[in-house]
N, C-alpha and C. Protein backbone atom coordinates (compact mmCIF):
# COMPACT_ATOMS: atom_id res chain seq x y z
N MET A 1 -14.11 79.03 0.35
CA MET A 1 -13.92 79.54 -1.02
C MET A 1 -12.91 80.79 -0.76
N LEU A 2 -11.94 80.83 -1.64
CA LEU A 2 -10.89 81.93 -1.57
C LEU A 2 -11.47 83.06 -2.50
N HIS A 3 -11.40 84.26 -2.05
CA HIS A 3 -11.82 85.45 -2.82
C HIS A 3 -10.69 86.24 -3.25
N THR A 4 -10.82 86.87 -4.39
CA THR A 4 -9.81 87.72 -4.89
C THR A 4 -10.31 89.16 -5.08
N GLU A 5 -9.34 90.04 -5.44
CA GLU A 5 -9.67 91.49 -5.67
C GLU A 5 -10.80 91.56 -6.70
N ASN A 6 -11.72 92.53 -6.45
CA ASN A 6 -12.78 92.85 -7.31
C ASN A 6 -13.98 91.88 -7.19
N ASP A 7 -13.84 90.90 -6.38
CA ASP A 7 -14.97 89.97 -6.08
C ASP A 7 -16.09 90.75 -5.38
N ARG A 8 -17.33 90.51 -5.66
CA ARG A 8 -18.46 91.04 -4.98
C ARG A 8 -18.85 90.06 -3.88
N ILE A 9 -19.00 90.56 -2.66
CA ILE A 9 -19.28 89.58 -1.51
C ILE A 9 -20.45 90.09 -0.63
N ALA A 10 -21.02 89.24 0.12
CA ALA A 10 -21.92 89.61 1.18
C ALA A 10 -21.27 89.25 2.46
N TYR A 11 -21.32 90.18 3.44
CA TYR A 11 -20.59 89.98 4.66
C TYR A 11 -21.33 90.58 6.00
N HIS A 12 -20.93 90.11 7.12
CA HIS A 12 -21.42 90.62 8.34
C HIS A 12 -20.41 91.51 9.02
N ASP A 13 -20.87 92.69 9.52
CA ASP A 13 -19.99 93.66 10.14
C ASP A 13 -20.52 94.08 11.47
N GLY A 14 -21.47 93.40 12.09
CA GLY A 14 -21.94 93.86 13.31
C GLY A 14 -23.34 94.50 13.18
N ARG A 15 -23.67 95.07 12.05
CA ARG A 15 -25.02 95.61 11.78
C ARG A 15 -26.03 94.49 11.58
N PRO A 16 -27.38 94.81 11.80
CA PRO A 16 -28.35 93.81 11.74
C PRO A 16 -28.46 93.17 10.30
N ASP A 17 -28.26 94.01 9.32
CA ASP A 17 -28.41 93.50 7.91
C ASP A 17 -27.13 92.97 7.34
N LEU A 18 -27.30 92.07 6.42
CA LEU A 18 -26.06 91.67 5.69
C LEU A 18 -25.64 92.75 4.70
N GLN A 19 -24.33 92.98 4.71
CA GLN A 19 -23.73 94.07 3.90
C GLN A 19 -23.18 93.51 2.60
N LYS A 20 -23.07 94.25 1.55
CA LYS A 20 -22.67 93.92 0.28
C LYS A 20 -21.46 94.81 -0.11
N GLY A 21 -20.40 94.30 -0.69
CA GLY A 21 -19.39 95.16 -1.07
C GLY A 21 -18.45 94.46 -2.08
N ARG A 22 -17.37 95.18 -2.48
CA ARG A 22 -16.35 94.68 -3.43
C ARG A 22 -15.01 94.69 -2.78
N ILE A 23 -14.25 93.56 -2.88
CA ILE A 23 -12.95 93.43 -2.36
C ILE A 23 -11.95 94.33 -3.00
N GLU A 24 -11.29 95.14 -2.38
CA GLU A 24 -10.27 96.04 -2.96
C GLU A 24 -8.90 95.50 -2.73
N GLU A 25 -8.57 94.69 -1.67
CA GLU A 25 -7.33 94.23 -1.33
C GLU A 25 -7.42 92.96 -0.54
N VAL A 26 -6.57 91.97 -0.76
CA VAL A 26 -6.53 90.75 -0.03
C VAL A 26 -5.21 90.65 0.75
N ARG A 27 -5.26 90.39 2.07
CA ARG A 27 -4.07 90.23 2.82
C ARG A 27 -4.05 88.85 3.39
N ASP A 28 -2.93 88.29 3.62
CA ASP A 28 -2.76 86.99 4.29
C ASP A 28 -3.66 86.00 3.66
N GLU A 29 -3.50 85.65 2.47
CA GLU A 29 -4.40 84.70 1.80
C GLU A 29 -4.41 83.36 2.49
N GLY A 30 -5.52 82.67 2.48
CA GLY A 30 -5.68 81.41 3.11
C GLY A 30 -6.91 81.42 4.08
N PRO A 31 -6.81 80.47 5.05
CA PRO A 31 -7.91 80.38 6.00
C PRO A 31 -8.11 81.57 6.90
N HIS A 32 -7.06 82.30 7.04
CA HIS A 32 -7.04 83.50 7.97
C HIS A 32 -6.94 84.79 7.20
N ALA A 33 -7.41 84.82 5.98
CA ALA A 33 -7.36 85.98 5.11
C ALA A 33 -8.01 87.21 5.70
N VAL A 34 -7.54 88.36 5.29
CA VAL A 34 -8.10 89.68 5.76
C VAL A 34 -8.36 90.42 4.46
N TYR A 35 -9.49 91.05 4.36
CA TYR A 35 -9.91 91.75 3.23
C TYR A 35 -10.26 93.18 3.41
N ARG A 36 -9.82 94.06 2.50
CA ARG A 36 -10.25 95.47 2.56
C ARG A 36 -11.43 95.57 1.54
N VAL A 37 -12.65 95.95 2.08
CA VAL A 37 -13.84 95.89 1.30
C VAL A 37 -14.48 97.28 1.24
N ARG A 38 -14.95 97.70 0.10
CA ARG A 38 -15.75 98.93 -0.14
C ARG A 38 -17.14 98.55 -0.13
N ASN A 39 -17.87 99.09 0.85
CA ASN A 39 -19.30 98.82 1.00
C ASN A 39 -20.09 99.44 -0.13
N GLU A 40 -21.00 98.70 -0.81
CA GLU A 40 -21.69 99.27 -1.94
C GLU A 40 -22.65 100.34 -1.55
N GLU A 41 -23.30 100.24 -0.36
CA GLU A 41 -24.26 101.17 -0.08
C GLU A 41 -23.75 102.46 0.60
N THR A 42 -22.79 102.36 1.48
CA THR A 42 -22.28 103.55 2.11
C THR A 42 -20.97 104.06 1.52
N ASN A 43 -20.36 103.29 0.66
CA ASN A 43 -19.07 103.62 0.03
C ASN A 43 -17.86 103.66 1.05
N GLU A 44 -18.10 103.20 2.25
CA GLU A 44 -17.00 103.22 3.25
C GLU A 44 -16.16 101.96 3.08
N ILE A 45 -14.95 102.07 3.41
CA ILE A 45 -13.94 100.98 3.38
C ILE A 45 -13.89 100.31 4.74
N GLN A 46 -14.01 98.92 4.73
CA GLN A 46 -13.96 98.16 5.95
C GLN A 46 -12.99 97.11 5.81
N VAL A 47 -12.33 96.68 6.89
CA VAL A 47 -11.43 95.48 6.86
C VAL A 47 -12.19 94.41 7.65
N ILE A 48 -12.38 93.30 6.91
CA ILE A 48 -12.99 92.15 7.57
C ILE A 48 -12.15 90.91 7.38
N THR A 49 -12.57 89.89 8.07
CA THR A 49 -11.88 88.57 8.00
C THR A 49 -12.61 87.54 7.20
N GLN A 50 -12.09 86.49 6.93
CA GLN A 50 -12.66 85.41 6.15
C GLN A 50 -13.88 85.00 6.82
N GLY A 51 -13.92 84.90 8.16
CA GLY A 51 -15.03 84.41 8.81
C GLY A 51 -16.31 85.25 8.75
N GLN A 52 -16.15 86.58 8.38
CA GLN A 52 -17.26 87.40 8.32
C GLN A 52 -17.98 87.34 6.94
N ILE A 53 -17.44 86.69 5.96
CA ILE A 53 -17.99 86.58 4.65
C ILE A 53 -19.02 85.44 4.66
N ASP A 54 -20.31 85.79 4.13
CA ASP A 54 -21.36 84.86 4.11
C ASP A 54 -21.34 84.06 2.89
């Protein structure tokens, strides 16, 4: 599934728990997409790949 800006997603970032956030920017759309996500709980910005989205 392709995601767009402002989509709410759940993703893995290396921490034990699943993280939740909102996409702020999409780069390189397609199967190798890269997303800039704002974490809902910590308010930090993270860059994740398509493969990290649950």
